[in-house]
Amino acid sequence: LTEVPMDWEWESSRSGSAVEASLLDRAPEVLLGRDTQRSAPERACRAMGTLIGPATEASQNEEPLLDKAALTWKAWRHRQRRLPQDDDWQLSKEYVDVVKHAAEVIQEPTSIRELAAVHFQGHTEAKVEQSKEKAQSYWSQAANKGDVWSAWHAALSYVSTGSVDEAAPFLDIVANASAGPLTFMAIHFKYRFGAG
């Protein structure tokens, strides 16, 4: 849609020869009377129409878009099937489906952590709303399965809301995990907030 098709400037006769009569100089009935299935303007309008509908369902979890063009482009991009090797794989519904299956069925700690991040940030295409409570629940599950990063995320989440007592067991997990800088940070938080 970035280039103006030749059909917009000249009408092609049935024999295939171009007639150099600009459609812009002719009456509107000529455009309406032509075969709309072959009309480039009609095809363009219908193509744009298929994007405007989904574009109106803008996610409240994402930053406001600047204009309708950006909104339409975002909707079009979300409708394209993406593969794990694509840069924007994590923006797709398929990604959320894979993570959810691995987290809830296979019970992989890293996938449970990823699912927690999905709930914490929200996800447009999978229609997952932001929920700090669900994220904390998944982080807790993964931490209890030995995932240090999930324990750290859970601890930070509770500390940020002032729930130091709830953060204490997760700080203990990180502090006892020999996790390098994370261990030192966990010990610092325990000392600073008097947790544990």
C-alpha atoms as a PDB file:
ATOM      1  CA  LEU A   1       0.000   0.000   0.000  1.00  0.00           C
ATOM      2  CA  THR A   2       3.027   2.285  -0.054  1.00  0.00           C
ATOM      3  CA  GLU A   3       2.972   2.653  -3.855  1.00  0.00           C
ATOM      4  CA  VAL A   4       0.093   3.961  -5.921  1.00  0.00           C
ATOM      5  CA  PRO A   5      -1.029   1.222  -8.371  1.00  0.00           C
ATOM      6  CA  MET A   6      -1.203   2.071 -12.026  1.00  0.00           C
ATOM      7  CA  ASP A   7      -4.937   1.325 -11.990  1.00  0.00           C
ATOM      8  CA  TRP A   8      -5.400   4.523 -10.018  1.00  0.00           C
ATOM      9  CA  GLU A   9      -3.996   6.634 -12.836  1.00  0.00           C
ATOM     10  CA  TRP A  10      -5.069   4.855 -16.007  1.00  0.00           C
ATOM     11  CA  GLU A  11      -7.943   2.616 -16.897  1.00  0.00           C
ATOM     12  CA  SER A  12      -7.028  -0.550 -18.737  1.00  0.00           C
ATOM     13  CA  SER A  13      -9.258  -1.620 -21.552  1.00  0.00           C
ATOM     14  CA  ARG A  14     -10.427  -5.201 -21.982  1.00  0.00           C
ATOM     15  CA  SER A  15      -7.871  -5.764 -24.722  1.00  0.00           C
ATOM     16  CA  GLY A  16      -5.113  -4.921 -22.294  1.00  0.00           C
ATOM     17  CA  SER A  17      -3.934  -1.667 -23.864  1.00  0.00           C
ATOM     18  CA  ALA A  18      -3.587   1.296 -21.565  1.00  0.00           C
ATOM     19  CA  VAL A  19      -5.893   4.205 -22.150  1.00  0.00           C
ATOM     20  CA  GLU A  20      -4.223   7.385 -20.956  1.00  0.00           C
ATOM     21  CA  ALA A  21      -7.311   8.893 -19.387  1.00  0.00           C
ATOM     22  CA  SER A  22      -6.734   9.815 -15.802  1.00  0.00           C
ATOM     23  CA  LEU A  23      -9.408   8.454 -13.535  1.00  0.00           C
ATOM     24  CA  LEU A  24      -9.054  11.549 -11.415  1.00  0.00           C
ATOM     25  CA  ASP A  25     -10.526  13.612 -14.251  1.00  0.00           C
ATOM     26  CA  ARG A  26     -13.542  11.379 -14.735  1.00  0.00           C
ATOM     27  CA  ALA A  27     -16.864  11.253 -12.986  1.00  0.00           C
ATOM     28  CA  PRO A  28     -17.144   9.135  -9.795  1.00  0.00           C
ATOM     29  CA  GLU A  29     -19.658   6.846 -11.525  1.00  0.00           C
ATOM     30  CA  VAL A  30     -16.808   5.460 -13.618  1.00  0.00           C
ATOM     31  CA  LEU A  31     -15.031   4.224 -10.513  1.00  0.00           C
ATOM     32  CA  LEU A  32     -18.229   2.798  -9.039  1.00  0.00           C
ATOM     33  CA  GLY A  33     -19.251   1.209 -12.312  1.00  0.00           C
ATOM     34  CA  ARG A  34     -16.037  -0.718 -12.787  1.00  0.00           C
ATOM     35  CA  ASP A  35     -15.520  -4.259 -11.616  1.00  0.00           C
ATOM     36  CA  THR A  36     -14.851  -3.716  -7.911  1.00  0.00           C
ATOM     37  CA  GLN A  37     -13.142  -7.091  -7.651  1.00  0.00           C
ATOM     38  CA  ARG A  38     -10.357  -5.833  -9.914  1.00  0.00           C
ATOM     39  CA  SER A  39     -10.280  -2.240  -8.720  1.00  0.00           C
ATOM     40  CA  ALA A  40      -7.023  -1.410  -6.961  1.00  0.00           C
ATOM     41  CA  PRO A  41      -8.603   1.314  -4.799  1.00  0.00           C
ATOM     42  CA  GLU A  42     -11.379  -1.043  -3.744  1.00  0.00           C
ATOM     43  CA  ARG A  43      -8.898  -3.783  -2.858  1.00  0.00           C
ATOM     44  CA  ALA A  44      -6.823  -1.318  -0.868  1.00  0.00           C
ATOM     45  CA  CYS A  45      -9.857  -0.091   1.057  1.00  0.00           C
ATOM     46  CA  ARG A  46     -10.955  -3.624   1.847  1.00  0.00           C
ATOM     47  CA  ALA A  47      -7.431  -4.530   2.984  1.00  0.00           C
ATOM     48  CA  MET A  48      -7.338  -1.564   5.328  1.00  0.00           C
ATOM     49  CA  GLY A  49     -10.809  -2.437   6.589  1.00  0.00           C
ATOM     50  CA  THR A  50      -9.628  -5.849   7.774  1.00  0.00           C
ATOM     51  CA  LEU A  51      -7.015  -4.148   9.945  1.00  0.00           C
ATOM     52  CA  ILE A  52      -9.085  -1.368  11.479  1.00  0.00           C
ATOM     53  CA  GLY A  53     -11.319  -3.787  13.409  1.00  0.00           C
ATOM     54  CA  PRO A  54      -8.570  -5.588  15.336  1.00  0.00           C
ATOM     55  CA  ALA A  55      -6.704  -2.318  15.729  1.00  0.00           C
ATOM     56  CA  THR A  56      -9.505  -0.896  17.832  1.00  0.00           C
ATOM     57  CA  GLU A  57      -8.836  -3.597  20.411  1.00  0.00           C
ATOM     58  CA  ALA A  58      -5.679  -1.884  21.596  1.00  0.00           C
ATOM     59  CA  SER A  59      -4.175  -3.382  24.696  1.00  0.00           C
ATOM     60  CA  GLN A  60      -4.340  -1.389  27.891  1.00  0.00           C
ATOM     61  CA  ASN A  61      -1.117  -3.104  28.908  1.00  0.00           C
ATOM     62  CA  GLU A  62       0.993  -1.462  26.227  1.00  0.00           C
ATOM     63  CA  GLU A  63       2.128   2.108  25.897  1.00  0.00           C
ATOM     64  CA  PRO A  64      -0.289   4.393  24.009  1.00  0.00           C
ATOM     65  CA  LEU A  65       0.306   4.433  20.283  1.00  0.00           C
ATOM     66  CA  LEU A  66       0.996   7.682  18.517  1.00  0.00           C
ATOM     67  CA  ASP A  67      -1.494   7.498  15.691  1.00  0.00           C
ATOM     68  CA  LYS A  68      -3.904   5.276  13.781  1.00  0.00           C
ATOM     69  CA  ALA A  69      -1.206   4.189  11.355  1.00  0.00           C
ATOM     70  CA  ALA A  70       0.913   2.795  14.158  1.00  0.00           C
ATOM     71  CA  LEU A  71      -2.151   1.191  15.725  1.00  0.00           C
ATOM     72  CA  THR A  72      -3.081  -0.482  12.451  1.00  0.00           C
ATOM     73  CA  TRP A  73       0.467  -1.720  11.900  1.00  0.00           C
ATOM     74  CA  LYS A  74       0.550  -3.207  15.411  1.00  0.00           C
ATOM     75  CA  ALA A  75      -2.720  -5.045  14.818  1.00  0.00           C
ATOM     76  CA  TRP A  76      -1.455  -6.397  11.505  1.00  0.00           C
ATOM     77  CA  ARG A  77       1.775  -7.581  13.094  1.00  0.00           C
ATOM     78  CA  HIS A  78      -0.096  -9.372  15.883  1.00  0.00           C
ATOM     79  CA  ARG A  79      -2.144 -11.284  13.309  1.00  0.00           C
ATOM     80  CA  GLN A  80       0.906 -12.763  11.602  1.00  0.00           C
ATOM     81  CA  ARG A  81       2.022 -16.242  12.704  1.00  0.00           C
ATOM     82  CA  ARG A  82       5.477 -16.109  14.244  1.00  0.00           C
ATOM     83  CA  LEU A  83       8.029 -18.837  14.954  1.00  0.00           C
ATOM     84  CA  PRO A  84      10.364 -19.323  17.952  1.00  0.00           C
ATOM     85  CA  GLN A  85      13.340 -18.041  15.951  1.00  0.00           C
ATOM     86  CA  ASP A  86      11.588 -14.735  15.204  1.00  0.00           C
ATOM     87  CA  ASP A  87      12.643 -11.654  17.147  1.00  0.00           C
ATOM     88  CA  ASP A  88       9.085 -10.933  18.268  1.00  0.00           C
ATOM     89  CA  TRP A  89       8.188 -14.543  19.138  1.00  0.00           C
ATOM     90  CA  GLN A  90       7.437 -13.524  22.733  1.00  0.00           C
ATOM     91  CA  LEU A  91       4.732 -11.144  21.482  1.00  0.00           C
ATOM     92  CA  SER A  92       2.724 -13.986  19.938  1.00  0.00           C
ATOM     93  CA  LYS A  93      -0.128 -15.982  21.414  1.00  0.00           C
ATOM     94  CA  GLU A  94       1.686 -19.180  20.440  1.00  0.00           C
ATOM     95  CA  TYR A  95       4.527 -18.230  22.793  1.00  0.00           C
ATOM     96  CA  VAL A  96       2.121 -17.852  25.710  1.00  0.00           C
ATOM     97  CA  ASP A  97       0.446 -21.163  24.840  1.00  0.00           C
ATOM     98  CA  VAL A  98       3.805 -22.968  24.813  1.00  0.00           C
ATOM     99  CA  VAL A  99       4.899 -21.387  28.105  1.00  0.00           C
ATOM    100  CA  LYS A 100       1.544 -22.101  29.750  1.00  0.00           C
ATOM    101  CA  HIS A 101       1.672 -25.763  28.719  1.00  0.00           C
ATOM    102  CA  ALA A 102       5.238 -26.179  29.976  1.00  0.00           C
ATOM    103  CA  ALA A 103       4.392 -24.413  33.239  1.00  0.00           C
ATOM    104  CA  GLU A 104       1.054 -25.982  34.109  1.00  0.00           C
ATOM    105  CA  VAL A 105       1.378 -29.454  32.579  1.00  0.00           C
ATOM    106  CA  ILE A 106       5.108 -30.229  32.610  1.00  0.00           C
ATOM    107  CA  GLN A 107       5.759 -28.045  35.675  1.00  0.00           C
ATOM    108  CA  GLU A 108       9.096 -26.678  34.441  1.00  0.00           C
ATOM    109  CA  PRO A 109      10.377 -24.042  36.918  1.00  0.00           C
ATOM    110  CA  THR A 110      11.792 -21.784  34.186  1.00  0.00           C
ATOM    111  CA  SER A 111       8.495 -21.892  32.289  1.00  0.00           C
ATOM    112  CA  ILE A 112       6.578 -21.117  35.475  1.00  0.00           C
ATOM    113  CA  ARG A 113       8.850 -18.089  35.889  1.00  0.00           C
ATOM    114  CA  GLU A 114       8.167 -17.012  32.283  1.00  0.00           C
ATOM    115  CA  LEU A 115       4.424 -17.397  32.836  1.00  0.00           C
ATOM    116  CA  ALA A 116       4.730 -15.217  35.930  1.00  0.00           C
ATOM    117  CA  ALA A 117       6.439 -12.555  33.823  1.00  0.00           C
ATOM    118  CA  VAL A 118       3.601 -12.753  31.281  1.00  0.00           C
ATOM    119  CA  HIS A 119       1.045 -12.073  34.016  1.00  0.00           C
ATOM    120  CA  PHE A 120       3.187  -9.364  35.581  1.00  0.00           C
ATOM    121  CA  GLN A 121       3.582  -7.442  32.311  1.00  0.00           C
ATOM    122  CA  GLY A 122       0.363  -8.446  30.566  1.00  0.00           C
ATOM    123  CA  HIS A 123       0.153  -9.784  27.026  1.00  0.00           C
ATOM    124  CA  THR A 124      -1.796  -8.218  24.175  1.00  0.00           C
ATOM    125  CA  GLU A 125      -2.211 -11.038  21.699  1.00  0.00           C
ATOM    126  CA  ALA A 126      -2.947 -13.701  24.310  1.00  0.00           C
ATOM    127  CA  LYS A 127      -5.329 -11.276  26.068  1.00  0.00           C
ATOM    128  CA  VAL A 128      -3.633 -11.696  29.444  1.00  0.00           C
ATOM    129  CA  GLU A 129      -4.273  -8.783  31.772  1.00  0.00           C
ATOM    130  CA  GLN A 130      -1.670  -7.498  34.180  1.00  0.00           C
ATOM    131  CA  SER A 131      -1.957  -9.222  37.539  1.00  0.00           C
ATOM    132  CA  LYS A 132       0.721  -8.841  40.174  1.00  0.00           C
ATOM    133  CA  GLU A 133      -1.033 -11.379  42.418  1.00  0.00           C
ATOM    134  CA  LYS A 134      -0.942 -14.117  39.761  1.00  0.00           C
ATOM    135  CA  ALA A 135       2.675 -13.306  38.986  1.00  0.00           C
ATOM    136  CA  GLN A 136       3.599 -13.618  42.653  1.00  0.00           C
ATOM    137  CA  SER A 137       1.762 -16.932  42.825  1.00  0.00           C
ATOM    138  CA  TYR A 138       3.700 -18.366  39.872  1.00  0.00           C
ATOM    139  CA  TRP A 139       7.007 -17.006  41.168  1.00  0.00           C
ATOM    140  CA  SER A 140       6.306 -18.667  44.502  1.00  0.00           C
ATOM    141  CA  GLN A 141       5.625 -22.009  42.791  1.00  0.00           C
ATOM    142  CA  ALA A 142       8.836 -21.822  40.786  1.00  0.00           C
ATOM    143  CA  ALA A 143      10.851 -20.717  43.819  1.00  0.00           C
ATOM    144  CA  ASN A 144       9.585 -23.711  45.800  1.00  0.00           C
ATOM    145  CA  LYS A 145      10.848 -25.886  42.946  1.00  0.00           C
ATOM    146  CA  GLY A 146      14.327 -24.403  43.343  1.00  0.00           C
ATOM    147  CA  ASP A 147      14.343 -21.603  40.779  1.00  0.00           C
ATOM    148  CA  VAL A 148      16.518 -18.861  42.324  1.00  0.00           C
ATOM    149  CA  TRP A 149      15.482 -16.167  39.840  1.00  0.00           C
ATOM    150  CA  SER A 150      11.814 -16.745  40.677  1.00  0.00           C
ATOM    151  CA  ALA A 151      12.608 -16.439  44.383  1.00  0.00           C
ATOM    152  CA  TRP A 152      14.410 -13.174  43.656  1.00  0.00           C
ATOM    153  CA  HIS A 153      11.520 -11.785  41.597  1.00  0.00           C
ATOM    154  CA  ALA A 154       9.016 -12.812  44.269  1.00  0.00           C
ATOM    155  CA  ALA A 155      11.134 -11.189  46.983  1.00  0.00           C
ATOM    156  CA  LEU A 156      11.453  -7.937  45.050  1.00  0.00           C
ATOM    157  CA  SER A 157       7.729  -7.937  44.317  1.00  0.00           C
ATOM    158  CA  TYR A 158       6.822  -8.297  47.986  1.00  0.00           C
ATOM    159  CA  VAL A 159       9.482  -5.827  49.161  1.00  0.00           C
ATOM    160  CA  SER A 160       8.223  -3.201  46.695  1.00  0.00           C
ATOM    161  CA  THR A 161       4.775  -3.331  48.317  1.00  0.00           C
ATOM    162  CA  GLY A 162       6.172  -3.289  51.858  1.00  0.00           C
ATOM    163  CA  SER A 163       5.314  -6.944  52.563  1.00  0.00           C
ATOM    164  CA  VAL A 164       8.673  -7.749  54.144  1.00  0.00           C
ATOM    165  CA  ASP A 165       7.412 -10.765  56.101  1.00  0.00           C
ATOM    166  CA  GLU A 166       6.153 -12.411  52.910  1.00  0.00           C
ATOM    167  CA  ALA A 167       9.439 -11.619  51.158  1.00  0.00           C
ATOM    168  CA  ALA A 168      11.562 -13.184  53.923  1.00  0.00           C
ATOM    169  CA  PRO A 169      11.347 -16.867  52.829  1.00  0.00           C
ATOM    170  CA  PHE A 170      12.262 -15.941  49.263  1.00  0.00           C
ATOM    171  CA  LEU A 171      15.194 -13.827  50.450  1.00  0.00           C
ATOM    172  CA  ASP A 172      16.339 -16.874  52.447  1.00  0.00           C
ATOM    173  CA  ILE A 173      16.225 -19.026  49.301  1.00  0.00           C
ATOM    174  CA  VAL A 174      18.381 -16.561  47.381  1.00  0.00           C
ATOM    175  CA  ALA A 175      20.750 -15.952  50.302  1.00  0.00           C
ATOM    176  CA  ASN A 176      21.412 -19.695  50.686  1.00  0.00           C
ATOM    177  CA  ALA A 177      21.738 -20.405  46.956  1.00  0.00           C
ATOM    178  CA  SER A 178      25.329 -19.204  46.335  1.00  0.00           C
ATOM    179  CA  ALA A 179      23.975 -17.074  43.497  1.00  0.00           C
ATOM    180  CA  GLY A 180      26.805 -14.541  43.390  1.00  0.00           C
ATOM    181  CA  PRO A 181      25.616 -10.912  43.424  1.00  0.00           C
ATOM    182  CA  LEU A 182      22.007 -11.978  44.031  1.00  0.00           C
ATOM    183  CA  THR A 183      23.070 -13.660  47.270  1.00  0.00           C
ATOM    184  CA  PHE A 184      24.781 -10.492  48.497  1.00  0.00           C
ATOM    185  CA  MET A 185      21.737  -8.417  47.552  1.00  0.00           C
ATOM    186  CA  ALA A 186      19.436 -10.833  49.404  1.00  0.00           C
ATOM    187  CA  ILE A 187      21.619 -10.620  52.522  1.00  0.00           C
ATOM    188  CA  HIS A 188      21.609  -6.828  52.204  1.00  0.00           C
ATOM    189  CA  PHE A 189      17.812  -6.724  52.019  1.00  0.00           C
ATOM    190  CA  LYS A 190      17.478  -9.072  54.980  1.00  0.00           C
ATOM    191  CA  TYR A 191      19.758  -6.841  57.045  1.00  0.00           C
ATOM    192  CA  ARG A 192      18.146  -3.608  55.843  1.00  0.00           C
ATOM    193  CA  PHE A 193      14.527  -4.651  56.404  1.00  0.00           C
ATOM    194  CA  GLY A 194      15.109  -7.036  59.301  1.00  0.00           C
ATOM    195  CA  ALA A 195      13.590  -9.934  57.383  1.00  0.00           C
ATOM    196  CA  GLY A 196      14.176 -13.470  58.587  1.00  0.00           C
END
